[in-house]
Amino acid sequence: MKSLLLRVLLTTTVLSPAIAPAELVLYKGSRRDAFNSQGQTLTINWKTFLVVDHDTVQVASLQYGTISGAQRYSTNLWDRVHFVQVPGAKAHYTAIARMPTQCEIDSGATGEAVYCKGIDAALTVSTGTTVTFPKILTDRGSGLGFSDVNGQPYLVAGSFKFVFDSAGTLQSNQAGETFDAALTRLINYVESLGYNP
């Protein structure tokens, strides 16, 4: 009997992380992008959501806005993500960073790209559960891309700010949503407003 009880406890312990709901942290925010190409500038103001699975280290952004009169949205799953805590002189920070590929490491890369960063705070993600993570995440930057349509280069400069969505986070975690379910729910919400991919 002790052997059976021990097996049940061991199995429960091993499987618990796999069946336990995720610790999701949801954010709302805004993003502004300015595209410059072929003598023209296009500025897009987006509304945004950010879904962070604190346990499995997954992050996805959903942005929606009006581009030349059309209501559009896009999603982006951030790849090779990890959370890096950095102690500062007056505060502790967390960066959502992108780990370099093996090819980048082999080429001598010694740093990492940062998707966004913020000052750490205690965030309540479900009843009785808090995580240390930024209440506000920000970033700004610029880049160079090439048009899918005509191959012409364009410059983009952007900035964004995500603010912890306490009510949305509690609702999502109390419902036991997975990362994918939370992202799908937000996409459905944006589509219900008339936005298309």
Protein backbone atom coordinates (compact mmCIF):
# COMPACT_ATOMS: atom_id res chain seq x y z
CA MET A 1 0.00 0.00 0.00
CA LYS A 2 2.85 2.41 0.84
CA SER A 3 4.43 1.60 -2.52
CA LEU A 4 1.19 2.47 -4.37
CA LEU A 5 0.77 5.71 -2.43
CA LEU A 6 4.38 6.66 -3.12
CA ARG A 7 3.89 6.01 -6.86
CA VAL A 8 0.72 8.13 -6.93
CA LEU A 9 2.47 11.01 -5.13
CA LEU A 10 5.51 10.77 -7.40
CA THR A 11 3.34 10.70 -10.54
CA THR A 12 1.30 13.66 -9.30
CA THR A 13 4.45 15.62 -8.54
CA VAL A 14 5.98 14.91 -11.94
CA LEU A 15 2.80 15.70 -13.90
CA SER A 16 1.65 18.74 -11.93
CA PRO A 17 3.69 21.32 -13.86
CA ALA A 18 2.38 19.95 -17.16
CA ILE A 19 -1.29 20.18 -16.16
CA ALA A 20 -1.18 23.30 -14.01
CA PRO A 21 -2.48 26.48 -15.62
CA ALA A 22 0.10 28.92 -16.90
CA GLU A 23 1.04 32.14 -15.13
CA LEU A 24 0.00 34.57 -17.83
CA VAL A 25 0.80 38.26 -17.59
CA LEU A 26 -1.27 40.43 -19.93
CA TYR A 27 -0.51 43.96 -21.04
CA LYS A 28 -2.32 46.66 -23.01
CA GLY A 29 -0.60 49.50 -24.75
CA SER A 30 0.21 51.54 -27.79
CA ARG A 31 2.79 51.51 -30.53
CA ARG A 32 3.81 54.12 -33.08
CA ASP A 33 5.71 53.29 -36.27
CA ALA A 34 6.98 55.75 -38.89
CA PHE A 35 7.94 54.23 -42.25
CA ASN A 36 10.08 56.22 -44.71
CA SER A 37 10.49 55.02 -48.29
CA GLN A 38 10.52 56.36 -51.83
CA GLY A 39 10.13 59.98 -50.67
CA GLN A 40 7.09 59.27 -48.49
CA THR A 41 6.38 58.83 -44.79
CA LEU A 42 3.64 56.67 -43.33
CA THR A 43 2.92 56.86 -39.61
CA ILE A 44 0.79 54.16 -37.96
CA ASN A 45 -0.60 54.39 -34.45
CA TRP A 46 -1.43 50.93 -33.11
CA LYS A 47 -3.32 49.68 -30.09
CA THR A 48 -1.58 46.64 -28.66
CA PHE A 49 -1.83 43.60 -26.42
CA LEU A 50 1.09 41.60 -25.09
CA VAL A 51 0.67 38.06 -23.75
CA VAL A 52 3.51 36.74 -21.59
CA ASP A 53 3.60 33.18 -20.27
CA HIS A 54 5.85 33.64 -17.28
CA ASP A 55 6.26 29.87 -16.75
CA THR A 56 7.12 28.69 -20.26
CA VAL A 57 8.77 31.96 -21.37
CA GLN A 58 6.56 32.60 -24.38
CA VAL A 59 5.63 36.08 -25.60
CA ALA A 60 3.28 37.28 -28.33
CA SER A 61 2.18 40.74 -29.36
CA LEU A 62 -1.06 41.68 -31.09
CA GLN A 63 -1.35 45.11 -32.67
CA TYR A 64 -4.26 46.68 -34.50
CA GLY A 65 -4.79 49.99 -36.24
CA THR A 66 -5.95 51.77 -39.37
CA ILE A 67 -3.59 51.85 -42.35
CA SER A 68 -4.65 54.00 -45.32
CA GLY A 69 -8.29 53.63 -44.27
CA ALA A 70 -8.16 49.83 -43.76
CA GLN A 71 -8.54 48.29 -40.28
CA ARG A 72 -5.65 45.84 -39.94
CA TYR A 73 -4.08 43.71 -37.22
CA SER A 74 -1.01 41.53 -36.92
CA THR A 75 0.41 39.11 -34.40
CA ASN A 76 4.02 38.39 -33.67
CA LEU A 77 5.37 35.46 -31.65
CA TRP A 78 8.67 36.60 -30.20
CA ASP A 79 11.31 33.94 -30.77
CA ARG A 80 14.31 32.78 -28.69
CA VAL A 81 12.97 34.73 -25.72
CA HIS A 82 14.25 34.71 -22.18
CA PHE A 83 13.81 37.03 -19.20
CA VAL A 84 16.94 38.67 -17.84
CA GLN A 85 16.84 40.38 -14.44
CA VAL A 86 19.33 43.22 -14.07
CA PRO A 87 20.04 44.89 -10.72
CA GLY A 88 20.36 48.65 -11.09
CA ALA A 89 21.50 51.35 -8.67
CA LYS A 90 17.96 52.39 -7.68
CA ALA A 91 15.78 49.56 -9.03
CA HIS A 92 15.82 46.07 -10.49
CA TYR A 93 14.92 45.66 -14.14
CA THR A 94 13.72 42.81 -16.32
CA ALA A 95 14.48 42.69 -20.02
CA ILE A 96 12.65 40.44 -22.44
CA ALA A 97 15.66 39.54 -24.53
CA ARG A 98 16.33 37.52 -27.68
CA MET A 99 19.04 34.90 -27.33
CA PRO A 100 21.50 34.82 -30.23
CA THR A 101 21.47 31.92 -32.64
CA GLN A 102 24.43 29.53 -32.73
CA CYS A 103 25.44 31.12 -36.03
CA GLU A 104 25.50 34.56 -34.40
CA ILE A 105 27.55 33.19 -31.48
CA ASP A 106 29.97 31.50 -33.91
CA SER A 107 30.32 34.84 -35.71
CA GLY A 108 31.41 36.52 -32.47
CA ALA A 109 28.17 37.99 -31.11
CA THR A 110 28.56 38.72 -27.42
CA GLY A 111 25.33 40.64 -26.75
CA GLU A 112 21.63 40.12 -27.14
CA ALA A 113 18.78 42.10 -28.63
CA VAL A 114 16.19 43.44 -26.21
CA TYR A 115 12.53 43.31 -27.19
CA CYS A 116 11.55 45.53 -24.24
CA LYS A 117 12.39 46.26 -20.62
CA GLY A 118 10.97 47.74 -17.44
CA ILE A 119 11.36 48.23 -13.70
CA ASP A 120 10.38 45.17 -11.66
CA ALA A 121 7.27 45.18 -9.48
CA ALA A 122 5.19 42.58 -7.66
CA LEU A 123 2.30 41.76 -10.01
CA THR A 124 -0.73 39.80 -8.80
CA VAL A 125 -1.49 37.27 -11.54
CA SER A 126 -4.11 35.18 -9.69
CA THR A 127 -5.58 34.92 -6.22
CA GLY A 128 -2.64 34.60 -3.83
CA THR A 129 -0.02 34.43 -6.62
CA THR A 130 2.38 37.20 -7.52
CA VAL A 131 5.31 37.34 -9.91
CA THR A 132 8.17 39.80 -10.10
CA PHE A 133 7.96 41.39 -13.51
CA PRO A 134 7.68 44.95 -14.92
CA LYS A 135 4.41 46.82 -14.56
CA ILE A 136 5.37 48.88 -17.63
CA LEU A 137 7.42 47.59 -20.58
CA THR A 138 8.87 49.98 -23.14
CA ASP A 139 11.20 50.11 -26.10
CA ARG A 140 12.07 52.20 -29.09
CA GLY A 141 14.27 51.61 -32.06
CA SER A 142 14.77 51.78 -35.78
CA GLY A 143 15.45 49.34 -38.54
CA LEU A 144 15.87 48.79 -42.23
CA GLY A 145 13.64 46.49 -44.26
CA PHE A 146 12.78 45.68 -47.85
CA SER A 147 9.31 45.75 -49.40
CA ASP A 148 7.66 42.41 -50.18
CA VAL A 149 5.98 44.11 -53.14
CA ASN A 150 8.84 45.84 -54.97
CA GLY A 151 12.00 45.05 -52.99
CA GLN A 152 12.64 48.74 -52.26
CA PRO A 153 14.32 49.60 -48.94
CA TYR A 154 12.45 51.37 -46.16
CA LEU A 155 13.40 52.76 -42.76
CA VAL A 156 11.14 52.33 -39.78
CA ALA A 157 11.37 54.05 -36.42
CA GLY A 158 9.05 52.95 -33.67
CA SER A 159 8.27 53.04 -30.00
CA PHE A 160 5.84 51.23 -27.76
CA LYS A 161 4.61 51.08 -24.21
CA PHE A 162 2.82 48.13 -22.60
CA VAL A 163 1.05 48.57 -19.24
CA PHE A 164 0.15 45.62 -16.99
CA ASP A 165 -3.53 44.69 -17.43
CA SER A 166 -4.37 43.58 -13.89
CA ALA A 167 -8.05 42.80 -14.54
CA GLY A 168 -7.33 40.97 -17.79
CA THR A 169 -4.51 38.97 -16.20
CA LEU A 170 -6.66 37.88 -13.24
CA GLN A 171 -9.57 36.96 -15.51
CA SER A 172 -7.32 34.94 -17.84
CA ASN A 173 -5.55 33.03 -15.07
CA GLN A 174 -8.74 32.37 -13.08
CA ALA A 175 -10.27 30.92 -16.25
CA GLY A 176 -7.21 28.67 -16.62
CA GLU A 177 -6.40 29.98 -20.09
CA THR A 178 -3.34 28.68 -21.84
CA PHE A 179 -1.02 31.02 -23.73
CA ASP A 180 -2.63 30.03 -27.05
CA ALA A 181 -6.18 30.38 -25.69
CA ALA A 182 -5.50 33.88 -24.33
CA LEU A 183 -3.97 35.01 -27.63
CA THR A 184 -6.86 33.50 -29.62
CA ARG A 185 -9.41 35.24 -27.36
CA LEU A 186 -7.69 38.60 -27.94
CA ILE A 187 -7.53 38.02 -31.71
CA ASN A 188 -11.26 37.20 -31.71
CA TYR A 189 -11.92 40.43 -29.78
CA VAL A 190 -9.93 42.50 -32.30
CA GLU A 191 -11.71 40.80 -35.23
CA SER A 192 -15.08 41.57 -33.58
CA LEU A 193 -14.11 45.26 -33.82
CA GLY A 194 -13.78 44.90 -37.61
CA TYR A 195 -10.00 44.45 -37.94
CA ASN A 196 -8.57 41.99 -40.48
CA PRO A 197 -5.12 40.37 -40.73
